[in-house]
Amino acid sequence: MALLGGGVLFWGWLLVRWFNDWVLVRVGAGVPRGEPLPPLAWLESSGLLGGALEPIGFALSLLPTFASGIWLTVVLTVGGMVLGFLIAVPLSVARVYGRWSSRAALVYTELIRGTPLLAQLFVLYYGLGLSSWIRELPYIGYGAIPGQAVWVAIIGFTINSAAYQGEYIRAALQSVEGGQLTAARSVGLSKLGGIRYVVLPQGLRYAIPGWTNELVYLIKYSSLAAFITVPELFRRAQSIASSNFRYTAVFITVGAIYLCLVLSASRAMNHVERRVAIPGLGQVEDRQ
């Protein structure tokens, strides 16, 4: 109940903050960006957070600035996960059921997993200069559409996440009994049809715990986007700390926000695992 209450409070504040900054401010009816919402403003002006509670007051004063950074962290994480999944599924199928394609998929997987994510981002941003190409596309950086550095980071996270997700799904596909595909072929399905309609629906359920791990990984490692000028949560924290030199307070606050994001993601994925569970497949309930 404590986790649920904290999650509702955290995401409730975030949604209200984002709605204020993106909708109300544009029509001149909201609190200016960077300023606290009325409840927090009242706490700061009441003097209740003075003395020993001053660090809490300081942390609350940072939240309006961190809100937009949290949004970019969420965009990078979700974008990398979803787009990476679209690559990971055919990658994993090729690894398990392909011949020559299996070798190509293996080379891609080992190359990406064997090199640091930060190095991959540097190659995309500074080496290949993707930002200069993306900048020429229409509407990039206008309104709610992120700038070119964000898109380069999403591409980097997609490439990296696809390799890891592909291995999670490969292991899940190999855990499905081989007789399942044989039975599918015996009733008239093609090999690809059997994989799509019989093997994948079972294997993807086995892969959910691995996805949870990858989601947590991406939430934390989205901070690497700060090194290619993406103004996400970690970069905003660096900027604030370098101006007031309160590094401990700033990064403890940022650590607490990352913890809230990770716990929310873990709880959400646990809920998804239970919702899609099939009796007798995976035995989700028997592990509780």
Protein backbone atom coordinates (compact mmCIF):
# COMPACT_ATOMS: atom_id res chain seq x y z
CA MET A 1 0.00 0.00 0.00
CA ALA A 2 2.88 2.36 0.75
CA LEU A 3 4.39 1.70 -2.70
CA LEU A 4 1.00 2.17 -4.34
CA GLY A 5 0.37 5.42 -2.49
CA GLY A 6 3.83 6.73 -3.31
CA GLY A 7 3.42 5.77 -6.97
CA VAL A 8 0.06 7.52 -7.23
CA LEU A 9 1.50 10.65 -5.61
CA PHE A 10 4.60 10.63 -7.83
CA TRP A 11 2.82 10.05 -11.16
CA GLY A 12 -0.08 12.29 -10.18
CA TRP A 13 2.33 15.16 -9.59
CA LEU A 14 4.17 14.43 -12.85
CA LEU A 15 0.99 14.37 -14.96
CA VAL A 16 -0.28 17.60 -13.40
CA ARG A 17 3.13 19.23 -13.91
CA TRP A 18 3.34 18.16 -17.57
CA PHE A 19 -0.24 19.29 -18.24
CA ASN A 20 0.55 22.65 -16.67
CA ASP A 21 3.79 23.16 -18.63
CA TRP A 22 2.54 22.00 -22.03
CA VAL A 23 -1.12 23.05 -22.03
CA LEU A 24 -1.99 25.63 -19.38
CA VAL A 25 1.15 27.73 -19.81
CA ARG A 26 0.54 27.96 -23.56
CA VAL A 27 -2.90 29.50 -22.98
CA GLY A 28 -1.65 31.75 -20.18
CA ALA A 29 -3.57 29.99 -17.42
CA GLY A 30 -0.96 27.92 -15.61
CA VAL A 31 1.96 28.29 -13.27
CA PRO A 32 5.07 29.52 -15.14
CA ARG A 33 7.57 26.81 -16.00
CA GLY A 34 10.21 26.29 -13.36
CA GLU A 35 7.99 27.54 -10.54
CA PRO A 36 6.38 25.17 -8.01
CA LEU A 37 2.72 24.25 -8.17
CA PRO A 38 0.47 25.86 -5.50
CA PRO A 39 0.75 23.07 -2.85
CA LEU A 40 4.55 23.02 -3.04
CA ALA A 41 4.71 26.81 -3.25
CA TRP A 42 2.68 27.05 -0.05
CA LEU A 43 5.02 24.60 1.71
CA GLU A 44 8.08 26.59 0.65
CA SER A 45 6.60 29.93 1.74
CA SER A 46 5.13 28.65 5.03
CA GLY A 47 8.50 28.15 6.70
CA LEU A 48 7.60 24.57 7.68
CA LEU A 49 10.59 23.25 5.75
CA GLY A 50 13.23 25.28 7.52
CA GLY A 51 15.93 24.16 9.90
CA ALA A 52 16.44 20.42 9.90
CA LEU A 53 13.88 20.02 7.12
CA GLU A 54 15.70 22.43 4.81
CA PRO A 55 17.13 19.60 2.59
CA ILE A 56 13.56 18.44 1.92
CA GLY A 57 12.57 21.96 0.97
CA PHE A 58 15.58 22.22 -1.33
CA ALA A 59 14.70 18.90 -2.99
CA LEU A 60 11.10 20.05 -3.55
CA SER A 61 12.35 23.26 -5.13
CA LEU A 62 14.19 21.20 -7.75
CA LEU A 63 11.13 19.24 -8.90
CA PRO A 64 9.74 21.82 -11.37
CA THR A 65 13.06 21.86 -13.23
CA PHE A 66 13.38 18.08 -13.14
CA ALA A 67 9.89 17.50 -14.58
CA SER A 68 10.90 18.09 -18.20
CA GLY A 69 14.03 16.00 -17.69
CA ILE A 70 11.91 13.13 -16.40
CA TRP A 71 9.77 13.40 -19.54
CA LEU A 72 12.79 12.95 -21.79
CA THR A 73 14.00 10.04 -19.66
CA VAL A 74 10.63 8.34 -20.13
CA VAL A 75 10.65 9.07 -23.88
CA LEU A 76 14.15 7.62 -24.30
CA THR A 77 13.29 4.52 -22.29
CA VAL A 78 9.94 3.75 -23.90
CA GLY A 79 11.18 4.61 -27.39
CA GLY A 80 14.21 2.36 -27.04
CA MET A 81 12.15 -0.51 -25.62
CA VAL A 82 9.34 -0.42 -28.18
CA LEU A 83 11.50 0.10 -31.27
CA GLY A 84 14.06 -2.37 -29.96
CA PHE A 85 11.31 -4.97 -29.56
CA LEU A 86 10.33 -4.61 -33.22
CA ILE A 87 13.90 -5.53 -34.18
CA ALA A 88 14.40 -8.11 -31.43
CA VAL A 89 11.54 -10.42 -32.46
CA PRO A 90 12.81 -11.19 -35.99
CA LEU A 91 16.36 -11.20 -34.61
CA SER A 92 15.51 -13.88 -32.07
CA VAL A 93 13.52 -15.94 -34.57
CA ALA A 94 16.50 -15.84 -36.93
CA ARG A 95 18.81 -16.95 -34.11
CA VAL A 96 16.65 -19.97 -33.25
CA TYR A 97 15.19 -21.08 -36.58
CA GLY A 98 17.42 -19.52 -39.25
CA ARG A 99 20.47 -20.86 -41.02
CA TRP A 100 22.53 -18.10 -42.63
CA SER A 101 20.34 -15.50 -40.95
CA SER A 102 21.26 -17.05 -37.61
CA ARG A 103 24.92 -16.19 -38.19
CA ALA A 104 24.10 -12.62 -39.19
CA ALA A 105 21.92 -12.22 -36.11
CA LEU A 106 24.71 -13.63 -33.93
CA VAL A 107 27.24 -11.16 -35.34
CA TYR A 108 24.88 -8.23 -34.67
CA THR A 109 24.10 -9.41 -31.14
CA GLU A 110 27.70 -10.00 -30.12
CA LEU A 111 28.90 -6.75 -31.69
CA ILE A 112 26.32 -4.64 -29.86
CA ARG A 113 26.52 -6.46 -26.53
CA GLY A 114 30.31 -6.49 -26.66
CA THR A 115 30.71 -2.71 -26.98
CA PRO A 116 29.76 -0.02 -24.44
CA LEU A 117 26.50 1.82 -24.96
CA LEU A 118 28.27 5.15 -24.45
CA ALA A 119 30.71 4.33 -27.26
CA GLN A 120 27.78 3.49 -29.54
CA LEU A 121 26.13 6.84 -28.77
CA PHE A 122 29.39 8.69 -29.46
CA VAL A 123 29.79 6.94 -32.82
CA LEU A 124 26.23 7.85 -33.84
CA TYR A 125 26.35 11.44 -32.61
CA TYR A 126 29.93 12.56 -33.13
CA GLY A 127 31.31 9.97 -35.56
CA LEU A 128 28.52 9.51 -38.09
CA GLY A 129 27.04 12.93 -37.43
CA LEU A 130 23.43 11.71 -37.41
CA SER A 131 22.35 14.88 -35.64
CA SER A 132 23.16 17.02 -38.69
CA TRP A 133 21.03 14.77 -40.91
CA ILE A 134 18.13 14.60 -38.48
CA ARG A 135 18.22 18.37 -37.96
CA GLU A 136 17.29 18.86 -41.63
CA LEU A 137 14.06 16.90 -41.25
CA PRO A 138 10.86 18.97 -40.96
CA TYR A 139 9.42 19.84 -37.53
CA ILE A 140 12.41 18.50 -35.59
CA GLY A 141 12.71 20.50 -32.37
CA TYR A 142 9.42 22.33 -32.81
CA GLY A 143 6.68 22.15 -30.18
CA ALA A 144 6.44 18.75 -28.51
CA ILE A 145 8.76 17.10 -31.08
CA PRO A 146 12.22 16.52 -29.51
CA GLY A 147 15.41 17.90 -30.97
CA GLN A 148 17.96 15.98 -33.02
CA ALA A 149 20.06 14.83 -30.05
CA VAL A 150 17.05 13.05 -28.55
CA TRP A 151 16.42 11.19 -31.80
CA VAL A 152 20.05 10.11 -32.02
CA ALA A 153 19.80 8.79 -28.44
CA ILE A 154 16.59 6.90 -29.28
CA ILE A 155 18.31 5.31 -32.29
CA GLY A 156 21.26 4.32 -30.10
CA PHE A 157 19.06 2.86 -27.37
CA THR A 158 17.00 1.01 -29.99
CA ILE A 159 20.06 -0.62 -31.53
CA ASN A 160 21.45 -1.56 -28.11
CA SER A 161 18.18 -2.74 -26.61
CA ALA A 162 17.34 -4.88 -29.65
CA ALA A 163 20.43 -7.01 -29.06
CA TYR A 164 19.59 -7.65 -25.41
CA GLN A 165 15.88 -8.15 -25.99
CA GLY A 166 16.72 -10.52 -28.82
CA GLU A 167 18.67 -12.73 -26.43
CA TYR A 168 15.86 -12.70 -23.85
CA ILE A 169 13.34 -13.72 -26.50
CA ARG A 170 15.72 -16.32 -27.96
CA ALA A 171 16.02 -18.00 -24.57
CA ALA A 172 12.24 -17.85 -24.18
CA LEU A 173 11.65 -19.42 -27.62
CA GLN A 174 14.09 -22.22 -26.84
CA SER A 175 12.15 -22.96 -23.64
CA VAL A 176 9.03 -23.77 -25.68
CA GLU A 177 8.84 -27.50 -26.37
CA GLY A 178 9.96 -28.43 -29.88
CA GLY A 179 6.85 -30.56 -30.30
CA GLN A 180 4.75 -27.39 -30.34
CA LEU A 181 6.10 -26.37 -33.74
CA THR A 182 5.84 -29.93 -35.02
CA ALA A 183 2.19 -30.05 -33.96
CA ALA A 184 1.55 -26.74 -35.70
CA ARG A 185 3.07 -28.07 -38.92
CA SER A 186 0.97 -31.22 -38.67
CA VAL A 187 -2.28 -29.23 -38.74
CA GLY A 188 -1.30 -27.36 -41.89
CA LEU A 189 0.57 -24.29 -40.67
CA SER A 190 3.76 -23.27 -42.40
CA LYS A 191 6.96 -22.98 -40.40
CA LEU A 192 6.59 -19.21 -40.12
CA GLY A 193 2.90 -19.61 -39.31
CA GLY A 194 3.69 -22.06 -36.53
CA ILE A 195 6.29 -19.72 -35.10
CA ARG A 196 3.92 -16.74 -35.26
CA TYR A 197 0.74 -18.34 -33.95
CA VAL A 198 2.05 -21.11 -31.65
CA VAL A 199 5.62 -20.56 -30.51
CA LEU A 200 5.81 -16.77 -30.15
CA PRO A 201 2.62 -16.37 -28.04
CA GLN A 202 4.09 -18.81 -25.52
CA GLY A 203 7.70 -17.67 -25.71
CA LEU A 204 6.94 -13.97 -25.32
CA ARG A 205 5.23 -14.71 -22.01
CA TYR A 206 8.40 -16.42 -20.78
CA ALA A 207 10.40 -13.35 -21.82
CA ILE A 208 8.53 -10.86 -19.60
CA PRO A 209 10.95 -11.15 -16.63
CA GLY A 210 13.81 -10.46 -19.03
CA TRP A 211 11.96 -7.45 -20.42
CA THR A 212 11.54 -6.13 -16.90
CA ASN A 213 15.29 -6.29 -16.43
CA GLU A 214 15.88 -4.53 -19.76
CA LEU A 215 13.35 -1.81 -18.89
CA VAL A 216 15.11 -1.14 -15.59
CA TYR A 217 18.45 -1.14 -17.42
CA LEU A 218 17.25 1.45 -19.93
CA ILE A 219 15.75 3.72 -17.27
CA LYS A 220 19.10 3.97 -15.52
CA TYR A 221 21.29 4.03 -18.61
CA SER A 222 19.20 6.73 -20.26
CA SER A 223 21.45 9.03 -18.22
CA LEU A 224 24.20 8.32 -20.77
CA ALA A 225 22.26 10.47 -23.23
CA ALA A 226 23.47 13.46 -21.22
CA PHE A 227 26.90 12.98 -22.83
CA ILE A 228 25.45 13.76 -26.27
CA THR A 229 23.72 16.93 -24.99
CA VAL A 230 20.24 15.47 -24.37
CA PRO A 231 18.70 17.54 -21.52
CA GLU A 232 17.24 14.55 -19.68
CA LEU A 233 17.08 14.13 -15.92
CA PHE A 234 20.76 13.47 -15.25
CA ARG A 235 21.99 16.36 -17.41
CA ARG A 236 19.60 18.77 -15.71
CA ALA A 237 20.91 17.60 -12.36
CA GLN A 238 24.49 18.20 -13.51
CA SER A 239 23.58 21.72 -14.61
CA ILE A 240 21.90 22.56 -11.29
CA ALA A 241 24.67 21.06 -9.17
CA SER A 242 27.39 22.91 -11.08
CA SER A 243 25.63 26.21 -10.39
CA ASN A 244 24.96 25.79 -6.64
CA PHE A 245 27.63 23.16 -5.75
CA ARG A 246 25.12 21.15 -3.67
CA TYR A 247 26.02 17.93 -5.41
CA THR A 248 25.00 15.61 -2.59
CA ALA A 249 21.48 17.02 -2.22
CA VAL A 250 20.91 17.29 -5.96
CA PHE A 251 22.00 13.76 -6.80
CA ILE A 252 20.23 12.19 -3.82
CA THR A 253 17.06 13.80 -5.18
CA VAL A 254 17.80 12.49 -8.67
CA GLY A 255 18.53 9.03 -7.26
CA ALA A 256 15.15 9.04 -5.51
CA ILE A 257 13.43 9.96 -8.78
CA TYR A 258 15.20 7.16 -10.66
CA LEU A 259 14.17 4.77 -7.88
CA CYS A 260 10.52 5.86 -8.29
CA LEU A 261 10.74 5.25 -12.04
CA VAL A 262 12.33 1.82 -11.58
CA LEU A 263 9.82 0.69 -8.95
CA SER A 264 6.94 1.89 -11.11
CA ALA A 265 8.28 0.01 -14.13
CA SER A 266 8.84 -3.18 -12.11
CA ARG A 267 5.34 -3.11 -10.64
CA ALA A 268 3.82 -2.42 -14.07
CA MET A 269 5.67 -5.34 -15.66
CA ASN A 270 4.67 -7.66 -12.79
CA HIS A 271 1.06 -6.67 -13.43
CA VAL A 272 1.46 -7.36 -17.16
CA GLU A 273 2.96 -10.79 -16.41
CA ARG A 274 -0.05 -11.73 -14.29
CA ARG A 275 -2.56 -10.33 -16.78
CA VAL A 276 -1.23 -12.33 -19.75
CA ALA A 277 -0.49 -15.51 -17.78
CA ILE A 278 -2.13 -18.71 -19.07
CA PRO A 279 -2.99 -21.43 -16.53
CA GLY A 280 -0.33 -24.12 -16.72
CA LEU A 281 2.06 -21.92 -18.72
CA GLY A 282 4.79 -20.29 -16.66
CA GLN A 283 2.94 -20.94 -13.36
CA VAL A 284 2.92 -17.28 -12.34
CA GLU A 285 0.51 -17.77 -9.46
CA ASP A 286 2.39 -20.75 -8.06
CA ARG A 287 5.46 -18.59 -7.51
CA GLN A 288 3.63 -16.13 -5.24
